[in-house]
Amino acid sequence: MMNHVPPGLSSETTEKARLELNENPDTLHQDIQQVRDMIVTRPDIGFLRTDDDFILRFLRARKFDHVETFRLLAQYFQFRQQNLDMFQSFKVDDPSIKRALMDGFPGVLEAPDQHGRKILILFASNWDQSRNSFIDILRAILLSLEVLIENPELQINGFTLIIDWSNFSFKQASKLTPNILKLAIEGLQDSFPARFGGIHFVNQPWYIHAMYTIIKPFLKDKTRKRIFLHGNNLNSLHQLIQPECLPSEFGGTLPPYDMGMWARTLLGPDYNDETEYTLTYDALHVRESCGGGGEKDMMKRSQSTVEAAALRQMDRETSTPLLALD
């Protein structure tokens, strides 16, 4: 049969998909159909999307193993079914998602690493717990991944994640309860069709180390092997991600990361820091940015939605802290 390149892929990536993921353009339709045929075995799950393109990203995430692919597809929809509140108003202009995005959760670098992986970065200390709940940050990360995974090159090359823990306080860490971390692991490791080539911890304090020990049992072997704890040794990071691909915060040759860049990309040409959302942050912003009437209503409006969401998240987030001082 003629050798053809699937739409949206360079010939190098097509070759990589063949070698690393067992992808064969000639049997693609059969592969997709075999996974689709398994849907009837799980009538308890609403499979809300079953088109070819959608199923293909799951096949790529599980190296074309039909059974594993179907398991991931079922898990994807089951996670959404079991956490309905997380996926309500699951869009870029949802105020709490937008707020997390604007605070740089996640950061997404424009250029890939040397393996073609998209680099996501999280500066943990930027988490202002009075503005964003952990769930909001998780929603913003999952939504960003949804947008990125539309790109077939990334379905094959995957992602690499860098978490910088510098200046992340013990008080901030105490908000990371086991329940909440389990939710994140479930959402990212078990229910999303992305290949993570590496998860890099940088400048982690002892209590993040302790936290990692506690969550280790929930990680698959494969995930564990891909987590690298670099501490403040940037050389070991550079052995895995070339400095040419990294911003200066990680000892790279690129300029410092611009926190608002990914938010601006997602929010498109209408995005502007001065839009009404800035007014909902806190009274100080309101006074500075408009000093006129009208802002009171806006504050009220935003607060009531925030309060409703906060109540929903209360029970999740008030479970035992992971790290408690005696």
Protein backbone atom coordinates (compact mmCIF):
# COMPACT_ATOMS: atom_id res chain seq x y z
CA MET A 1 0.00 0.00 0.00
CA MET A 2 1.14 3.54 -0.58
CA ASN A 3 2.98 5.12 2.31
CA HIS A 4 0.85 8.08 3.39
CA VAL A 5 1.20 10.63 6.14
CA PRO A 6 -1.90 11.09 8.35
CA PRO A 7 -3.30 14.66 8.28
CA GLY A 8 -1.61 17.16 10.57
CA LEU A 9 1.63 15.20 10.99
CA SER A 10 5.16 15.76 9.75
CA SER A 11 6.89 12.76 8.25
CA GLU A 12 9.26 12.57 11.28
CA THR A 13 6.33 12.40 13.68
CA THR A 14 4.60 9.80 11.52
CA GLU A 15 7.74 7.70 11.72
CA LYS A 16 7.97 8.24 15.49
CA ALA A 17 4.32 7.15 15.86
CA ARG A 18 5.09 3.99 13.91
CA LEU A 19 8.21 3.13 15.91
CA GLU A 20 7.14 4.18 19.40
CA LEU A 21 3.36 3.86 19.33
CA ASN A 22 2.77 1.00 16.86
CA GLU A 23 0.70 3.35 14.71
CA ASN A 24 -0.06 2.03 11.24
CA PRO A 25 -1.89 4.42 8.85
CA ASP A 26 -3.22 1.42 6.91
CA THR A 27 -5.09 -0.09 9.87
CA LEU A 28 -6.08 3.16 11.60
CA HIS A 29 -9.78 2.80 10.84
CA GLN A 30 -9.93 -0.78 12.10
CA ASP A 31 -8.05 0.21 15.27
CA ILE A 32 -10.50 3.02 15.95
CA GLN A 33 -13.51 0.82 15.22
CA GLN A 34 -12.31 -1.97 17.54
CA VAL A 35 -12.14 0.50 20.43
CA ARG A 36 -15.53 1.96 19.49
CA ASP A 37 -17.06 -1.53 19.49
CA MET A 38 -16.17 -1.95 23.17
CA ILE A 39 -18.35 0.98 24.25
CA VAL A 40 -21.42 -1.26 24.61
CA THR A 41 -19.64 -3.13 27.43
CA ARG A 42 -19.95 -0.06 29.70
CA PRO A 43 -23.59 1.09 29.64
CA ASP A 44 -22.96 2.79 33.01
CA ILE A 45 -20.82 5.46 31.33
CA GLY A 46 -21.98 8.21 28.99
CA PHE A 47 -19.45 8.31 26.14
CA LEU A 48 -20.16 11.85 25.01
CA ARG A 49 -17.75 11.82 22.10
CA THR A 50 -16.82 8.85 19.93
CA ASP A 51 -15.63 10.33 16.62
CA ASP A 52 -12.47 9.03 14.91
CA ASP A 53 -10.22 11.95 15.86
CA PHE A 54 -11.22 11.69 19.49
CA ILE A 55 -10.65 7.94 19.82
CA LEU A 56 -7.34 8.27 17.95
CA ARG A 57 -5.80 10.43 20.70
CA PHE A 58 -6.57 7.66 23.23
CA LEU A 59 -5.01 5.01 20.98
CA ARG A 60 -1.86 7.11 20.74
CA ALA A 61 -1.76 7.61 24.50
CA ARG A 62 -1.86 3.82 25.02
CA LYS A 63 0.36 2.71 22.13
CA PHE A 64 -2.51 1.23 20.14
CA ASP A 65 -3.27 -1.43 22.73
CA HIS A 66 -7.04 -1.67 22.21
CA VAL A 67 -7.94 -2.87 25.71
CA GLU A 68 -5.81 -0.25 27.47
CA THR A 69 -7.10 2.42 25.10
CA PHE A 70 -10.70 1.57 25.89
CA ARG A 71 -9.93 1.52 29.62
CA LEU A 72 -8.53 5.06 29.35
CA LEU A 73 -11.49 6.26 27.27
CA ALA A 74 -13.95 4.84 29.82
CA GLN A 75 -11.94 6.35 32.68
CA TYR A 76 -11.92 9.74 30.94
CA PHE A 77 -15.71 9.93 30.86
CA GLN A 78 -16.12 8.27 34.24
CA PHE A 79 -13.88 10.87 35.89
CA ARG A 80 -16.03 13.61 34.35
CA GLN A 81 -19.20 11.84 35.48
CA GLN A 82 -17.95 11.44 39.05
CA ASN A 83 -16.71 15.02 39.35
CA LEU A 84 -19.53 16.90 37.66
CA ASP A 85 -18.94 20.11 39.59
CA MET A 86 -15.39 20.31 38.21
CA PHE A 87 -16.62 20.22 34.64
CA GLN A 88 -19.50 22.64 34.94
CA SER A 89 -18.74 25.82 33.02
CA PHE A 90 -15.52 24.11 31.88
CA LYS A 91 -14.42 26.87 29.54
CA VAL A 92 -11.75 29.51 29.24
CA ASP A 93 -13.95 32.42 30.27
CA ASP A 94 -15.30 30.75 33.40
CA PRO A 95 -14.19 33.32 36.02
CA SER A 96 -12.31 30.90 38.28
CA ILE A 97 -10.58 29.11 35.39
CA LYS A 98 -9.71 32.44 33.82
CA ARG A 99 -8.26 33.66 37.12
CA ALA A 100 -6.05 30.57 37.43
CA LEU A 101 -4.90 30.94 33.81
CA MET A 102 -4.06 34.59 34.34
CA ASP A 103 -1.98 33.66 37.38
CA GLY A 104 0.06 31.35 35.17
CA PHE A 105 -1.58 27.99 35.98
CA PRO A 106 -0.34 26.42 33.86
CA GLY A 107 2.48 28.15 32.03
CA VAL A 108 2.97 26.80 28.51
CA LEU A 109 6.20 27.50 26.64
CA GLU A 110 5.90 28.31 22.95
CA ALA A 111 8.81 26.18 21.79
CA PRO A 112 8.92 22.42 22.50
CA ASP A 113 11.83 20.59 24.13
CA GLN A 114 14.39 18.71 22.05
CA HIS A 115 12.01 15.71 21.79
CA GLY A 116 9.14 17.79 20.44
CA ARG A 117 7.30 17.72 23.78
CA LYS A 118 5.29 20.72 24.89
CA ILE A 119 6.75 22.15 28.11
CA LEU A 120 4.27 23.05 30.85
CA ILE A 121 5.51 24.98 33.87
CA LEU A 122 3.99 25.61 37.27
CA PHE A 123 5.45 28.15 39.69
CA ALA A 124 3.90 26.75 42.85
CA SER A 125 4.46 29.83 45.02
CA ASN A 126 2.26 31.89 42.69
CA TRP A 127 -0.71 30.00 44.09
CA ASP A 128 -2.63 32.68 45.97
CA GLN A 129 -5.04 30.61 48.00
CA SER A 130 -7.36 33.53 48.58
CA ARG A 131 -7.89 33.75 44.81
CA ASN A 132 -7.75 30.21 43.48
CA SER A 133 -8.72 26.91 45.02
CA PHE A 134 -6.59 23.90 44.07
CA ILE A 135 -9.61 22.60 42.13
CA ASP A 136 -9.66 25.78 40.01
CA ILE A 137 -5.98 25.31 39.18
CA LEU A 138 -6.58 21.66 38.32
CA ARG A 139 -9.51 22.69 36.07
CA ALA A 140 -7.33 25.28 34.30
CA ILE A 141 -4.60 22.67 33.74
CA LEU A 142 -7.07 20.06 32.43
CA LEU A 143 -8.71 22.62 30.15
CA SER A 144 -5.30 23.69 28.80
CA LEU A 145 -4.44 20.06 28.10
CA GLU A 146 -7.77 19.63 26.27
CA VAL A 147 -6.85 22.52 24.00
CA LEU A 148 -3.26 21.33 23.46
CA ILE A 149 -4.13 17.68 22.83
CA GLU A 150 -6.14 18.72 19.75
CA ASN A 151 -2.74 18.97 18.06
CA PRO A 152 -1.87 15.52 16.63
CA GLU A 153 1.87 16.24 16.92
CA LEU A 154 1.45 16.59 20.69
CA GLN A 155 -0.64 13.43 20.90
CA ILE A 156 2.49 11.67 19.68
CA ASN A 157 5.31 13.74 21.20
CA GLY A 158 3.57 14.39 24.50
CA PHE A 159 4.37 16.81 27.31
CA THR A 160 6.93 17.50 29.94
CA LEU A 161 6.04 19.27 33.18
CA ILE A 162 8.29 21.38 35.40
CA ILE A 163 7.09 22.37 38.87
CA ASP A 164 9.14 25.02 40.61
CA TRP A 165 8.56 24.86 44.37
CA SER A 166 10.78 27.85 45.31
CA ASN A 167 9.20 29.93 48.09
CA PHE A 168 6.25 27.56 48.37
CA SER A 169 5.39 27.89 52.04
CA PHE A 170 4.50 25.20 54.54
CA LYS A 171 1.16 26.96 54.96
CA GLN A 172 0.49 26.66 51.21
CA ALA A 173 1.58 23.02 51.28
CA SER A 174 -0.80 22.22 54.12
CA LYS A 175 -3.69 22.87 51.72
CA LEU A 176 -2.58 19.92 49.59
CA THR A 177 -4.71 17.22 51.22
CA PRO A 178 -4.40 13.56 50.17
CA ASN A 179 -7.91 13.68 48.69
CA ILE A 180 -7.09 16.62 46.54
CA LEU A 181 -3.79 15.14 45.35
CA LYS A 182 -5.52 11.86 44.55
CA LEU A 183 -8.03 13.81 42.48
CA ALA A 184 -5.19 15.45 40.53
CA ILE A 185 -3.43 12.12 39.96
CA GLU A 186 -6.67 10.52 38.85
CA GLY A 187 -7.46 13.38 36.48
CA LEU A 188 -4.00 13.58 34.93
CA GLN A 189 -2.52 10.09 35.15
CA ASP A 190 -5.54 7.80 34.84
CA SER A 191 -8.11 9.78 32.88
CA PHE A 192 -6.39 11.90 30.30
CA PRO A 193 -5.02 10.89 26.88
CA ALA A 194 -1.65 12.60 27.16
CA ARG A 195 1.84 11.13 27.20
CA PHE A 196 4.00 12.71 29.91
CA GLY A 197 7.67 12.26 29.14
CA GLY A 198 8.90 13.78 32.39
CA ILE A 199 7.70 15.52 35.54
CA HIS A 200 10.45 17.62 37.04
CA PHE A 201 10.45 19.00 40.59
CA VAL A 202 12.80 21.93 41.07
CA ASN A 203 13.77 23.61 44.38
CA GLN A 204 11.43 21.44 46.41
CA PRO A 205 11.54 21.92 50.23
CA TRP A 206 11.54 18.93 52.63
CA TYR A 207 7.77 19.04 53.10
CA ILE A 208 7.19 18.61 49.37
CA HIS A 209 9.50 15.63 49.54
CA ALA A 210 7.35 14.31 52.38
CA MET A 211 4.22 14.89 50.33
CA TYR A 212 5.72 13.01 47.40
CA THR A 213 6.40 10.01 49.63
CA ILE A 214 2.74 9.97 50.66
CA ILE A 215 1.36 10.10 47.12
CA LYS A 216 3.85 7.60 45.67
CA PRO A 217 1.53 4.58 46.20
CA PHE A 218 -1.09 6.18 43.92
CA LEU A 219 1.39 6.56 41.08
CA LYS A 220 1.86 3.96 38.39
CA ASP A 221 5.38 2.59 38.06
CA LYS A 222 5.60 4.25 34.70
CA THR A 223 4.72 7.64 36.22
CA ARG A 224 7.13 7.17 39.13
CA LYS A 225 10.01 6.49 36.76
CA ARG A 226 9.28 9.79 35.05
CA ILE A 227 9.35 11.98 38.15
CA PHE A 228 12.69 13.64 38.74
CA LEU A 229 13.48 15.49 41.96
CA HIS A 230 16.22 17.94 41.02
CA GLY A 231 16.30 20.06 44.18
CA ASN A 232 18.40 23.11 43.34
CA ASN A 233 20.59 21.22 40.89
CA LEU A 234 19.69 22.74 37.54
CA ASN A 235 22.45 20.77 35.82
CA SER A 236 20.52 17.56 36.29
CA LEU A 237 17.45 19.29 34.78
CA HIS A 238 19.56 20.44 31.80
CA GLN A 239 20.68 16.88 31.15
CA LEU A 240 17.03 16.06 30.41
CA ILE A 241 15.78 19.35 28.94
CA GLN A 242 18.28 21.42 26.99
CA PRO A 243 18.85 24.97 28.31
CA GLU A 244 17.96 26.31 24.84
CA CYS A 245 14.39 25.17 25.51
CA LEU A 246 14.08 26.76 28.96
CA PRO A 247 13.41 30.25 30.32
CA SER A 248 16.00 31.92 32.54
CA GLU A 249 14.17 30.88 35.76
CA PHE A 250 15.41 27.35 35.06
CA GLY A 251 18.91 28.39 34.02
CA GLY A 252 17.84 28.39 30.37
CA THR A 253 18.81 30.75 27.58
CA LEU A 254 15.24 31.93 26.87
CA PRO A 255 13.92 35.15 28.46
CA PRO A 256 11.95 34.87 31.74
CA TYR A 257 8.52 33.30 31.35
CA ASP A 258 5.66 35.74 30.81
CA MET A 259 2.86 34.52 33.15
CA GLY A 260 0.00 35.93 31.09
CA MET A 261 1.15 34.51 27.77
CA TRP A 262 -0.83 31.27 27.73
CA ALA A 263 -3.95 33.02 29.08
CA ARG A 264 -3.70 35.56 26.26
CA THR A 265 -3.27 32.79 23.69
CA LEU A 266 -6.33 30.93 24.97
CA LEU A 267 -8.50 33.98 25.43
CA GLY A 268 -7.71 35.21 21.94
CA PRO A 269 -7.59 38.73 20.51
CA ASP A 270 -10.28 40.08 22.87
CA TYR A 271 -8.11 39.33 25.88
CA ASN A 272 -7.09 42.37 27.86
CA ASP A 273 -5.93 42.64 31.46
CA GLU A 274 -8.29 45.53 32.03
CA THR A 275 -11.50 43.63 31.24
CA GLU A 276 -14.18 43.26 33.88
CA TYR A 277 -12.51 40.23 35.41
CA THR A 278 -9.77 42.34 36.94
CA LEU A 279 -12.53 44.07 38.87
CA THR A 280 -13.52 40.85 40.59
CA TYR A 281 -10.14 40.16 42.13
CA ASP A 282 -10.35 42.41 45.10
CA ALA A 283 -11.60 45.81 46.12
CA LEU A 284 -8.12 47.31 45.74
CA HIS A 285 -8.02 46.52 42.02
CA VAL A 286 -11.47 47.99 41.62
CA ARG A 287 -10.51 51.27 43.23
CA GLU A 288 -7.33 51.53 41.19
CA SER A 289 -8.65 50.51 37.84
CA CYS A 290 -11.91 52.35 37.57
CA GLY A 291 -12.55 54.56 40.57
CA GLY A 292 -16.13 54.98 39.37
CA GLY A 293 -19.56 53.46 40.02
CA GLY A 294 -20.68 50.10 38.77
CA GLU A 295 -17.98 48.07 40.41
CA LYS A 296 -20.02 47.26 43.51
CA ASP A 297 -22.53 45.19 41.55
CA MET A 298 -19.76 43.42 39.81
CA MET A 299 -18.08 42.52 43.07
CA LYS A 300 -21.37 41.24 44.43
CA ARG A 301 -22.03 39.16 41.33
CA SER A 302 -18.64 37.59 41.28
CA GLN A 303 -18.73 36.89 45.01
CA SER A 304 -21.97 34.98 44.90
CA THR A 305 -20.67 32.61 42.21
CA VAL A 306 -17.42 32.26 44.08
CA GLU A 307 -19.27 31.47 47.31
CA ALA A 308 -21.39 28.77 45.68
CA ALA A 309 -18.29 27.15 44.22
CA ALA A 310 -16.42 27.53 47.50
CA LEU A 311 -19.15 25.68 49.38
CA ARG A 312 -18.97 22.82 46.89
CA GLN A 313 -15.24 22.62 47.35
CA MET A 314 -15.30 22.96 51.12
CA ASP A 315 -15.95 19.31 51.84
CA ARG A 316 -13.19 18.27 49.45
CA GLU A 317 -10.66 20.65 50.81
CA THR A 318 -11.29 20.39 54.51
CA SER A 319 -10.26 16.75 54.72
CA THR A 320 -7.14 16.00 56.74
CA PRO A 321 -4.13 18.04 55.74
CA LEU A 322 -1.24 16.06 54.39
CA LEU A 323 1.28 17.84 56.52
CA ALA A 324 0.18 18.95 59.91
CA LEU A 325 2.42 20.20 62.64
CA ASP A 326 1.82 18.41 65.93
